[in-house]
């Protein structure tokens, strides 16, 4: 994926429409999120976000396990290449991750921030058998404030926008909208989980 930094009006409208759909059924959305967090249900809950270790600048086996928790298998090339010295440690991917900020939320991200994230995404996606869904989920694991989880279910919910990161950045710059989205969080929402993760869970549960 080549990051599109200026989203179309259509893409922005699709993202806004999807978020409004979640807000318009706020009580049901909150119930859906609570169900996802229920330890008696077979969902990843907060384990994708909290599974340790999770060094923001290094890919480790726990990261690949976290991606697996989101109903994805781990292709052998994904496992062996990402953990090999050419990618990990002083390797190419870990070096690229150091250029991606760890504490910048998507709505405050600069074009340079998104380009840096895109460079890392492209390295992951370029590994045989990985694909854009796994690449995106691994990037969301390493940069939860900056990168939204994006899979076929969530993409369908939002009407399949093209410039995903830039469209969400544009829409979420609205302070009032972010405040309203946070009201969807149930009482048991883990305080260290991001707004992007809240939106992902809500959209995914809506489609399920």
Protein backbone atom coordinates (compact mmCIF):
# COMPACT_ATOMS: atom_id res chain seq x y z
CA UNK A 1 0.00 0.00 0.00
CA UNK A 2 1.22 3.45 -0.89
CA UNK A 3 -0.14 5.91 1.64
CA UNK A 4 -2.47 8.50 0.17
CA UNK A 5 -2.02 11.60 2.28
CA UNK A 6 -4.91 13.61 0.84
CA UNK A 7 -8.09 11.55 1.08
CA UNK A 8 -10.97 12.05 -1.31
CA UNK A 9 -14.22 13.57 -0.13
CA UNK A 10 -15.81 10.20 -0.79
CA UNK A 11 -13.38 8.38 1.49
CA UNK A 12 -13.81 10.92 4.28
CA UNK A 13 -17.58 10.65 3.94
CA UNK A 14 -17.43 6.85 4.18
CA UNK A 15 -15.44 6.98 7.41
CA UNK A 16 -17.68 9.64 8.92
CA UNK A 17 -20.81 7.71 7.95
CA UNK A 18 -19.46 4.56 9.59
CA UNK A 19 -18.63 6.36 12.82
CA UNK A 20 -22.05 8.03 12.85
CA UNK A 21 -23.65 4.61 12.44
CA UNK A 22 -21.91 3.44 15.62
CA UNK A 23 -22.89 6.59 17.49
CA UNK A 24 -26.51 6.45 16.39
CA UNK A 25 -26.91 3.06 18.06
CA UNK A 26 -24.78 4.03 21.03
CA UNK A 27 -26.35 1.75 23.64
CA UNK A 28 -26.19 -1.29 21.36
CA UNK A 29 -22.62 -0.41 20.38
CA UNK A 30 -21.59 -0.26 24.04
CA UNK A 31 -23.24 -3.64 24.64
CA UNK A 32 -21.32 -5.08 21.68
CA UNK A 33 -18.03 -3.79 23.06
CA UNK A 34 -18.80 -5.17 26.52
CA UNK A 35 -19.55 -8.54 24.94
CA UNK A 36 -16.17 -8.47 23.19
CA UNK A 37 -14.47 -7.85 26.55
CA UNK A 38 -16.44 -10.58 28.33
CA UNK A 39 -13.96 -13.24 29.58
CA UNK A 40 -16.62 -15.90 29.01
CA UNK A 41 -16.76 -15.12 25.29
CA UNK A 42 -14.27 -16.42 22.73
CA UNK A 43 -12.84 -13.06 21.69
CA UNK A 44 -9.33 -11.64 21.92
CA UNK A 45 -10.54 -9.03 24.43
CA UNK A 46 -7.54 -6.93 25.57
CA UNK A 47 -4.96 -9.63 24.95
CA UNK A 48 -4.04 -8.37 21.49
CA UNK A 49 -3.07 -5.03 23.04
CA UNK A 50 -1.57 -6.21 26.34
CA UNK A 51 0.26 -9.43 25.49
CA UNK A 52 3.87 -9.02 26.62
CA UNK A 53 6.59 -8.36 25.76
CA UNK A 54 5.71 -5.55 23.39
CA UNK A 55 8.78 -3.44 22.72
CA UNK A 56 7.56 -0.71 20.31
CA UNK A 57 10.78 -0.91 18.30
CA UNK A 58 11.18 -4.65 18.00
CA UNK A 59 9.21 -7.54 16.51
CA UNK A 60 9.02 -10.53 18.85
CA UNK A 61 7.14 -13.86 18.99
CA UNK A 62 4.53 -12.25 21.25
CA UNK A 63 3.62 -9.85 18.41
CA UNK A 64 2.98 -12.72 16.04
CA UNK A 65 0.93 -14.51 18.69
CA UNK A 66 -1.09 -11.33 19.23
CA UNK A 67 -1.95 -11.20 15.53
CA UNK A 68 -2.98 -14.87 15.70
CA UNK A 69 -5.42 -13.98 18.50
CA UNK A 70 -7.38 -11.96 15.94
CA UNK A 71 -8.37 -15.11 14.06
CA UNK A 72 -5.36 -15.19 11.77
CA UNK A 73 -2.95 -18.04 11.20
CA UNK A 74 0.80 -17.38 11.09
CA UNK A 75 2.37 -18.35 7.75
CA UNK A 76 5.81 -19.91 8.16
CA UNK A 77 7.47 -17.18 6.11
CA UNK A 78 5.85 -14.55 8.33
CA UNK A 79 7.28 -16.24 11.40
CA UNK A 80 10.77 -17.05 10.17
CA UNK A 81 11.48 -13.85 8.26
CA UNK A 82 10.16 -11.36 10.79
CA UNK A 83 12.18 -13.01 13.56
CA UNK A 84 15.32 -13.38 11.47
CA UNK A 85 18.34 -11.08 12.00
CA UNK A 86 17.69 -9.38 8.66
CA UNK A 87 14.39 -8.01 10.02
CA UNK A 88 14.68 -8.03 13.81
CA UNK A 89 17.37 -6.59 16.07
CA UNK A 90 19.41 -4.22 13.97
CA UNK A 91 17.54 -5.40 10.87
CA UNK A 92 15.52 -3.48 8.36
CA UNK A 93 12.07 -3.58 9.95
CA UNK A 94 13.18 -2.69 13.46
CA UNK A 95 15.14 0.22 12.03
CA UNK A 96 12.04 1.47 10.19
CA UNK A 97 9.90 1.15 13.31
CA UNK A 98 12.24 3.55 15.10
CA UNK A 99 11.20 6.23 12.62
CA UNK A 100 7.51 5.82 13.50
CA UNK A 101 6.41 7.83 16.58
CA UNK A 102 5.04 5.84 19.51
CA UNK A 103 3.05 8.57 21.25
CA UNK A 104 1.30 10.41 18.40
CA UNK A 105 -2.40 9.70 17.88
CA UNK A 106 -3.55 9.42 14.29
CA UNK A 107 -5.43 12.74 14.29
CA UNK A 108 -2.20 14.58 15.24
CA UNK A 109 0.03 12.65 12.84
CA UNK A 110 2.05 14.51 10.23
CA UNK A 111 2.48 13.35 6.65
CA UNK A 112 6.00 12.30 7.60
CA UNK A 113 4.62 10.12 10.41
CA UNK A 114 2.31 8.31 8.00
CA UNK A 115 5.04 7.89 5.40
CA UNK A 116 7.30 6.32 8.03
CA UNK A 117 4.52 3.94 9.10
CA UNK A 118 3.82 3.10 5.47
CA UNK A 119 7.48 2.20 4.89
CA UNK A 120 7.34 -0.33 7.74
CA UNK A 121 3.96 -1.63 6.54
CA UNK A 122 5.34 -2.23 3.07
CA UNK A 123 8.25 -4.29 4.39
CA UNK A 124 5.87 -6.52 6.36
CA UNK A 125 3.42 -6.80 3.48
CA UNK A 126 6.27 -7.71 1.14
CA UNK A 127 6.95 -10.98 2.96
CA UNK A 128 5.51 -13.90 1.03
CA UNK A 129 2.09 -14.97 2.29
CA UNK A 130 1.59 -12.13 4.77
CA UNK A 131 -0.94 -9.91 3.03
CA UNK A 132 -2.36 -6.51 3.89
CA UNK A 133 -4.56 -7.70 6.77
CA UNK A 134 -1.70 -9.24 8.78
CA UNK A 135 0.59 -6.34 7.92
CA UNK A 136 -1.97 -3.85 9.17
CA UNK A 137 -2.70 -5.74 12.37
CA UNK A 138 0.99 -6.05 13.20
CA UNK A 139 1.46 -2.32 12.65
CA UNK A 140 -1.60 -1.62 14.84
CA UNK A 141 -0.05 -3.79 17.55
CA UNK A 142 3.21 -1.79 17.44
CA UNK A 143 1.56 1.64 17.05
CA UNK A 144 -1.95 1.43 18.57
CA UNK A 145 -2.42 5.20 18.75
CA UNK A 146 -1.47 5.74 15.13
CA UNK A 147 -2.60 2.76 13.05
CA UNK A 148 -6.17 1.43 13.00
CA UNK A 149 -6.75 -2.31 12.71
CA UNK A 150 -8.04 -2.91 9.20
CA UNK A 151 -9.40 -6.21 7.94
CA UNK A 152 -12.09 -7.32 5.51
CA UNK A 153 -14.86 -7.02 8.11
CA UNK A 154 -13.98 -3.50 9.24
CA UNK A 155 -13.22 -2.38 5.69
CA UNK A 156 -16.69 -3.52 4.60
CA UNK A 157 -18.31 -1.70 7.51
CA UNK A 158 -16.71 1.57 6.43
CA UNK A 159 -17.56 1.15 2.75
CA UNK A 160 -14.05 0.25 1.59
CA UNK A 161 -12.33 3.66 1.54
CA UNK A 162 -9.03 3.81 -0.30
CA UNK A 163 -6.98 6.28 1.74
CA UNK A 164 -7.65 4.60 5.07
CA UNK A 165 -5.16 6.23 7.43
CA UNK A 166 -5.53 9.70 5.96
CA UNK A 167 -9.33 9.49 5.95
CA UNK A 168 -9.46 8.52 9.61
CA UNK A 169 -6.94 11.25 10.41
CA UNK A 170 -9.12 13.85 8.72
CA UNK A 171 -12.35 12.75 10.41
CA UNK A 172 -10.88 12.25 13.88
CA UNK A 173 -9.44 15.75 13.98
CA UNK A 174 -12.91 16.71 15.17
CA UNK A 175 -12.49 17.00 18.97
CA UNK A 176 -16.22 16.73 19.61
CA UNK A 177 -16.47 13.55 17.53
CA UNK A 178 -13.67 11.91 19.52
CA UNK A 179 -15.42 12.83 22.76
CA UNK A 180 -18.65 11.27 21.50
CA UNK A 181 -16.85 8.09 20.43
CA UNK A 182 -15.35 7.70 23.88
CA UNK A 183 -18.88 7.68 25.34
CA UNK A 184 -19.33 4.30 23.62
CA UNK A 185 -16.74 2.75 25.93
CA UNK A 186 -18.34 0.55 28.59
CA UNK A 187 -17.41 0.88 32.24
CA UNK A 188 -14.96 -2.01 31.98
CA UNK A 189 -13.05 -0.54 29.04
CA UNK A 190 -9.28 -0.92 29.70
CA UNK A 191 -7.91 2.59 30.19
CA UNK A 192 -4.70 1.87 28.28
CA UNK A 193 -6.47 0.80 25.07
CA UNK A 194 -6.75 3.34 22.28
CA UNK A 195 -9.69 5.06 20.64
CA UNK A 196 -8.77 3.35 17.37
CA UNK A 197 -9.12 -0.02 19.08
CA UNK A 198 -12.52 1.01 20.44
CA UNK A 199 -13.67 1.87 16.92
CA UNK A 200 -12.26 -1.36 15.51
CA UNK A 201 -14.05 -3.53 18.07
CA UNK A 202 -17.32 -1.65 17.62
CA UNK A 203 -17.24 -1.94 13.84
CA UNK A 204 -16.17 -5.59 13.89
CA UNK A 205 -18.88 -6.56 16.35
CA UNK A 206 -21.49 -4.67 14.34
CA UNK A 207 -20.67 -6.79 11.28
CA UNK A 208 -20.45 -10.05 13.24
